[in-house]
Amino acid sequence: MHFMHQIDPFSKYSDLTYYSILMFALMSVVLYIILKKSLLNSDKQVFISITMANMLVRMLCSIILLLVYKNIKAPADNKFIISFLIVYIIFTIFETYFMVGLADQKPKKNIL
């Protein structure tokens, strides 16, 4: 993300980039833990439901982050959204990659 801060219009929004990275990193860790536990369930609908809920939560958190940032920092233009979208797209690609890997794993039997 350092390259993005070298470009003049985006250098003002480095704090939003770091907030976005922190938010998406925490959400990715939580999602990984929940999806890993869902592999114990043989019903694939659980995995899909968690994935869909994650998409909704991520979109809502993104909107909230952008609204809070806009209200607190009051940027002069809307270019901060581009800075945010770059991070959003990178994390979406990352999450999709590891979710496909998790989805391909066979459900493990719960041994008591």
N, C-alpha and C. Protein backbone atom coordinates (compact mmCIF):
# COMPACT_ATOMS: atom_id res chain seq x y z
N MET A 1 0.80 -1.18 0.00
CA MET A 1 0.00 0.00 0.00
C MET A 1 0.85 1.26 0.00
N HIS A 2 2.14 1.07 0.23
CA HIS A 2 3.04 2.21 0.25
C HIS A 2 3.05 2.92 -1.10
N PHE A 3 2.96 2.16 -2.19
CA PHE A 3 2.98 2.76 -3.52
C PHE A 3 1.82 3.73 -3.71
N MET A 4 0.69 3.43 -3.10
CA MET A 4 -0.50 4.26 -3.25
C MET A 4 -0.30 5.63 -2.59
N HIS A 5 0.46 5.66 -1.52
CA HIS A 5 0.66 6.92 -0.81
C HIS A 5 1.68 7.81 -1.49
N GLN A 6 2.37 7.28 -2.50
CA GLN A 6 3.31 8.10 -3.26
C GLN A 6 2.59 8.95 -4.29
N ILE A 7 1.37 8.56 -4.64
CA ILE A 7 0.57 9.30 -5.62
C ILE A 7 -0.11 10.44 -4.88
N ASP A 8 0.07 11.66 -5.38
CA ASP A 8 -0.36 12.86 -4.67
C ASP A 8 -1.82 12.85 -4.20
N PRO A 9 -2.80 12.52 -5.05
CA PRO A 9 -4.18 12.60 -4.54
C PRO A 9 -4.49 11.63 -3.41
N PHE A 10 -3.74 10.53 -3.32
CA PHE A 10 -4.03 9.51 -2.31
C PHE A 10 -3.18 9.66 -1.05
N SER A 11 -2.15 10.47 -1.11
CA SER A 11 -1.26 10.60 0.05
C SER A 11 -1.99 11.17 1.26
N LYS A 12 -3.05 11.92 1.04
CA LYS A 12 -3.83 12.51 2.14
C LYS A 12 -4.64 11.47 2.89
N TYR A 13 -4.85 10.31 2.27
CA TYR A 13 -5.77 9.32 2.84
C TYR A 13 -5.07 8.06 3.36
N SER A 14 -3.82 8.21 3.75
CA SER A 14 -3.09 7.03 4.24
C SER A 14 -3.72 6.47 5.51
N ASP A 15 -4.28 7.34 6.34
CA ASP A 15 -4.92 6.86 7.57
C ASP A 15 -6.12 5.97 7.25
N LEU A 16 -6.91 6.33 6.24
CA LEU A 16 -8.04 5.49 5.84
C LEU A 16 -7.56 4.14 5.33
N THR A 17 -6.46 4.14 4.62
CA THR A 17 -5.89 2.88 4.12
C THR A 17 -5.54 1.97 5.28
N TYR A 18 -4.90 2.52 6.31
CA TYR A 18 -4.52 1.70 7.46
C TYR A 18 -5.74 1.23 8.25
N TYR A 19 -6.74 2.08 8.39
CA TYR A 19 -7.97 1.67 9.06
C TYR A 19 -8.65 0.54 8.29
N SER A 20 -8.65 0.66 6.97
CA SER A 20 -9.27 -0.37 6.12
C SER A 20 -8.53 -1.69 6.24
N ILE A 21 -7.21 -1.63 6.19
CA ILE A 21 -6.41 -2.86 6.31
C ILE A 21 -6.67 -3.52 7.65
N LEU A 22 -6.70 -2.74 8.71
CA LEU A 22 -6.96 -3.29 10.04
C LEU A 22 -8.34 -3.94 10.11
N MET A 23 -9.35 -3.25 9.60
CA MET A 23 -10.71 -3.78 9.64
C MET A 23 -10.82 -5.08 8.84
N PHE A 24 -10.29 -5.09 7.62
CA PHE A 24 -10.40 -6.28 6.78
C PHE A 24 -9.54 -7.43 7.32
N ALA A 25 -8.40 -7.12 7.90
CA ALA A 25 -7.56 -8.18 8.48
C ALA A 25 -8.28 -8.85 9.65
N LEU A 26 -8.87 -8.05 10.53
CA LEU A 26 -9.61 -8.63 11.66
C LEU A 26 -10.80 -9.45 11.17
N MET A 27 -11.51 -8.93 10.18
CA MET A 27 -12.67 -9.66 9.65
C MET A 27 -12.22 -10.97 8.98
N SER A 28 -11.07 -10.96 8.33
CA SER A 28 -10.58 -12.16 7.67
C SER A 28 -10.20 -13.24 8.67
N VAL A 29 -9.58 -12.83 9.77
CA VAL A 29 -9.21 -13.79 10.81
C VAL A 29 -10.46 -14.42 11.42
N VAL A 30 -11.44 -13.59 11.75
CA VAL A 30 -12.69 -14.10 12.32
C VAL A 30 -13.39 -15.02 11.33
N LEU A 31 -13.44 -14.62 10.06
CA LEU A 31 -14.08 -15.45 9.04
C LEU A 31 -13.37 -16.80 8.91
N TYR A 32 -12.04 -16.78 8.92
CA TYR A 32 -11.28 -18.03 8.80
C TYR A 32 -11.61 -18.97 9.96
N ILE A 33 -11.65 -18.45 11.15
CA ILE A 33 -11.95 -19.30 12.32
C ILE A 33 -13.36 -19.89 12.21
N ILE A 34 -14.32 -19.05 11.83
CA ILE A 34 -15.70 -19.53 11.72
C ILE A 34 -15.83 -20.55 10.60
N LEU A 35 -15.21 -20.29 9.45
CA LEU A 35 -15.31 -21.23 8.33
C LEU A 35 -14.59 -22.54 8.63
N LYS A 36 -13.48 -22.47 9.35
CA LYS A 36 -12.76 -23.69 9.73
C LYS A 36 -13.63 -24.57 10.62
N LYS A 37 -14.36 -23.93 11.54
CA LYS A 37 -15.27 -24.69 12.41
C LYS A 37 -16.46 -25.24 11.63
N SER A 38 -16.87 -24.53 10.59
CA SER A 38 -18.03 -24.99 9.81
C SER A 38 -17.68 -26.24 8.99
N LEU A 39 -16.40 -26.52 8.82
CA LEU A 39 -16.01 -27.73 8.10
C LEU A 39 -16.36 -28.99 8.87
N LEU A 40 -16.57 -28.85 10.18
CA LEU A 40 -16.99 -29.99 10.98
C LEU A 40 -18.41 -30.42 10.64
N ASN A 41 -19.17 -29.51 10.08
CA ASN A 41 -20.55 -29.79 9.70
C ASN A 41 -20.57 -30.34 8.27
N SER A 42 -21.23 -31.45 8.05
CA SER A 42 -21.26 -32.05 6.71
C SER A 42 -22.18 -31.32 5.75
N ASP A 43 -23.04 -30.45 6.28
CA ASP A 43 -23.96 -29.68 5.45
C ASP A 43 -23.23 -28.49 4.84
N LYS A 44 -23.07 -28.48 3.53
CA LYS A 44 -22.35 -27.40 2.84
C LYS A 44 -23.12 -26.08 2.88
N GLN A 45 -24.41 -26.12 3.18
CA GLN A 45 -25.20 -24.90 3.26
C GLN A 45 -24.70 -23.98 4.39
N VAL A 46 -24.15 -24.58 5.43
CA VAL A 46 -23.63 -23.79 6.54
C VAL A 46 -22.47 -22.92 6.04
N PHE A 47 -21.58 -23.51 5.27
CA PHE A 47 -20.44 -22.80 4.71
C PHE A 47 -20.92 -21.64 3.83
N ILE A 48 -21.88 -21.93 2.97
CA ILE A 48 -22.40 -20.92 2.05
C ILE A 48 -23.11 -19.81 2.83
N SER A 49 -23.88 -20.18 3.83
CA SER A 49 -24.58 -19.17 4.65
C SER A 49 -23.59 -18.25 5.36
N ILE A 50 -22.54 -18.81 5.90
CA ILE A 50 -21.52 -17.99 6.57
C ILE A 50 -20.85 -17.06 5.57
N THR A 51 -20.57 -17.56 4.38
CA THR A 51 -19.94 -16.74 3.34
C THR A 51 -20.85 -15.57 2.94
N MET A 52 -22.13 -15.84 2.79
CA MET A 52 -23.07 -14.79 2.43
C MET A 52 -23.21 -13.76 3.56
N ALA A 53 -23.28 -14.24 4.79
CA ALA A 53 -23.36 -13.33 5.94
C ALA A 53 -22.11 -12.47 6.02
N ASN A 54 -20.96 -13.06 5.72
CA ASN A 54 -19.71 -12.30 5.73
C ASN A 54 -19.75 -11.18 4.70
N MET A 55 -20.29 -11.45 3.52
CA MET A 55 -20.39 -10.41 2.49
C MET A 55 -21.24 -9.25 2.98
N LEU A 56 -22.36 -9.56 3.61
CA LEU A 56 -23.25 -8.52 4.12
C LEU A 56 -22.57 -7.70 5.21
N VAL A 57 -21.94 -8.38 6.16
CA VAL A 57 -21.27 -7.70 7.26
C VAL A 57 -20.12 -6.84 6.73
N ARG A 58 -19.37 -7.37 5.77
CA ARG A 58 -18.25 -6.60 5.22
C ARG A 58 -18.73 -5.34 4.50
N MET A 59 -19.83 -5.46 3.75
CA MET A 59 -20.37 -4.28 3.07
C MET A 59 -20.88 -3.24 4.07
N LEU A 60 -21.58 -3.70 5.10
CA LEU A 60 -22.09 -2.77 6.12
C LEU A 60 -20.94 -2.09 6.87
N CYS A 61 -19.93 -2.86 7.25
CA CYS A 61 -18.78 -2.28 7.95
C CYS A 61 -18.03 -1.29 7.05
N SER A 62 -17.96 -1.60 5.77
CA SER A 62 -17.30 -0.70 4.82
C SER A 62 -18.05 0.62 4.71
N ILE A 63 -19.36 0.54 4.60
CA ILE A 63 -20.16 1.76 4.51
C ILE A 63 -20.02 2.59 5.78
N ILE A 64 -20.07 1.91 6.92
CA ILE A 64 -19.94 2.62 8.20
C ILE A 64 -18.56 3.28 8.30
N LEU A 65 -17.51 2.56 7.93
CA LEU A 65 -16.16 3.12 7.98
C LEU A 65 -16.05 4.36 7.10
N LEU A 66 -16.58 4.27 5.88
CA LEU A 66 -16.51 5.41 4.97
C LEU A 66 -17.32 6.60 5.47
N LEU A 67 -18.50 6.35 6.01
CA LEU A 67 -19.32 7.44 6.54
C LEU A 67 -18.67 8.11 7.76
N VAL A 68 -18.13 7.29 8.65
CA VAL A 68 -17.45 7.84 9.83
C VAL A 68 -16.24 8.65 9.39
N TYR A 69 -15.47 8.11 8.47
CA TYR A 69 -14.28 8.83 7.99
C TYR A 69 -14.67 10.16 7.36
N LYS A 70 -15.71 10.13 6.54
CA LYS A 70 -16.15 11.36 5.86
C LYS A 70 -16.64 12.40 6.86
N ASN A 71 -17.36 11.96 7.88
CA ASN A 71 -17.87 12.90 8.88
C ASN A 71 -16.78 13.44 9.80
N ILE A 72 -15.82 12.61 10.15
CA ILE A 72 -14.77 13.06 11.08
C ILE A 72 -13.69 13.88 10.35
N LYS A 73 -13.20 13.37 9.23
CA LYS A 73 -12.09 14.02 8.52
C LYS A 73 -12.57 15.10 7.55
N ALA A 74 -13.80 15.01 7.09
CA ALA A 74 -14.38 15.96 6.13
C ALA A 74 -13.44 16.23 4.95
N PRO A 75 -13.12 15.17 4.17
CA PRO A 75 -12.22 15.37 3.03
C PRO A 75 -12.84 16.33 2.00
N ALA A 76 -11.95 17.05 1.30
CA ALA A 76 -12.41 18.05 0.33
C ALA A 76 -13.00 17.41 -0.92
N ASP A 77 -12.57 16.20 -1.22
CA ASP A 77 -13.09 15.51 -2.40
C ASP A 77 -13.45 14.07 -2.04
N ASN A 78 -13.93 13.33 -3.01
CA ASN A 78 -14.32 11.94 -2.75
C ASN A 78 -13.27 10.94 -3.22
N LYS A 79 -12.04 11.38 -3.42
CA LYS A 79 -10.98 10.47 -3.87
C LYS A 79 -10.58 9.47 -2.78
N PHE A 80 -10.98 9.72 -1.57
CA PHE A 80 -10.67 8.77 -0.50
C PHE A 80 -11.36 7.42 -0.75
N ILE A 81 -12.45 7.44 -1.49
CA ILE A 81 -13.16 6.20 -1.80
C ILE A 81 -12.31 5.30 -2.68
N ILE A 82 -11.55 5.89 -3.60
CA ILE A 82 -10.67 5.09 -4.47
C ILE A 82 -9.60 4.40 -3.64
N SER A 83 -9.03 5.12 -2.69
CA SER A 83 -8.03 4.54 -1.80
C SER A 83 -8.62 3.35 -1.04
N PHE A 84 -9.84 3.53 -0.56
CA PHE A 84 -10.52 2.45 0.17
C PHE A 84 -10.82 1.27 -0.76
N LEU A 85 -11.29 1.54 -1.97
CA LEU A 85 -11.67 0.47 -2.90
C LEU A 85 -10.48 -0.41 -3.29
N ILE A 86 -9.30 0.18 -3.39
CA ILE A 86 -8.12 -0.61 -3.71
C ILE A 86 -7.88 -1.65 -2.63
N VAL A 87 -7.96 -1.23 -1.37
CA VAL A 87 -7.80 -2.17 -0.25
C VAL A 87 -8.93 -3.19 -0.26
N TYR A 88 -10.14 -2.74 -0.49
CA TYR A 88 -11.32 -3.63 -0.51
C TYR A 88 -11.15 -4.73 -1.57
N ILE A 89 -10.72 -4.36 -2.76
CA ILE A 89 -10.55 -5.33 -3.85
C ILE A 89 -9.45 -6.32 -3.52
N ILE A 90 -8.34 -5.84 -2.98
CA ILE A 90 -7.23 -6.75 -2.62
C ILE A 90 -7.69 -7.77 -1.57
N PHE A 91 -8.40 -7.32 -0.55
CA PHE A 91 -8.88 -8.25 0.48
C PHE A 91 -9.97 -9.17 -0.05
N THR A 92 -10.79 -8.70 -0.98
CA THR A 92 -11.81 -9.56 -1.58
C THR A 92 -11.16 -10.70 -2.36
N ILE A 93 -10.12 -10.38 -3.11
CA ILE A 93 -9.38 -11.41 -3.85
C ILE A 93 -8.76 -12.40 -2.88
N PHE A 94 -8.13 -11.88 -1.83
CA PHE A 94 -7.49 -12.73 -0.81
C PHE A 94 -8.51 -13.65 -0.15
N GLU A 95 -9.65 -13.10 0.28
CA GLU A 95 -10.67 -13.92 0.95
C GLU A 95 -11.25 -14.96 0.01
N THR A 96 -11.49 -14.60 -1.22
CA THR A 96 -12.04 -15.55 -2.18
C THR A 96 -11.07 -16.70 -2.39
N TYR A 97 -9.79 -16.39 -2.49
CA TYR A 97 -8.77 -17.43 -2.69
C TYR A 97 -8.76 -18.42 -1.53
N PHE A 98 -8.73 -17.92 -0.29
CA PHE A 98 -8.65 -18.86 0.82
C PHE A 98 -9.98 -19.54 1.11
N MET A 99 -11.11 -18.90 0.77
CA MET A 99 -12.41 -19.56 0.97
C MET A 99 -12.60 -20.71 -0.02
N VAL A 100 -12.11 -20.54 -1.23
CA VAL A 100 -12.18 -21.64 -2.21
C VAL A 100 -11.35 -22.82 -1.71
N GLY A 101 -10.19 -22.53 -1.15
CA GLY A 101 -9.36 -23.59 -0.59
C GLY A 101 -10.03 -24.30 0.57
N LEU A 102 -10.69 -23.55 1.43
CA LEU A 102 -11.41 -24.15 2.55
C LEU A 102 -12.61 -24.95 2.07
N ALA A 103 -13.32 -24.44 1.07
CA ALA A 103 -14.51 -25.13 0.56
C ALA A 103 -14.16 -26.47 -0.05
N ASP A 104 -12.95 -26.58 -0.59
CA ASP A 104 -12.54 -27.84 -1.21
C ASP A 104 -12.14 -28.91 -0.20
N GLN A 105 -11.94 -28.51 1.04
CA GLN A 105 -11.58 -29.49 2.07
C GLN A 105 -12.79 -30.35 2.40
N LYS A 106 -12.53 -31.60 2.67
CA LYS A 106 -13.61 -32.52 3.05
C LYS A 106 -13.99 -32.26 4.50
N PRO A 107 -15.27 -32.41 4.79
CA PRO A 107 -15.68 -32.23 6.19
C PRO A 107 -15.03 -33.29 7.08
N LYS A 108 -14.58 -32.84 8.23
CA LYS A 108 -13.94 -33.76 9.18
C LYS A 108 -14.99 -34.28 10.13
N LYS A 109 -14.85 -35.52 10.50
CA LYS A 109 -15.78 -36.10 11.45
C LYS A 109 -15.38 -35.69 12.86
N ASN A 110 -16.37 -35.37 13.63
CA ASN A 110 -16.16 -34.95 15.00
C ASN A 110 -15.90 -36.18 15.85
N ILE A 111 -14.69 -36.31 16.36
CA ILE A 111 -14.30 -37.47 17.17
C ILE A 111 -14.43 -37.08 18.64
N LEU A 112 -15.22 -37.84 19.36
CA LEU A 112 -15.41 -37.54 20.78
C LEU A 112 -14.58 -38.41 21.65
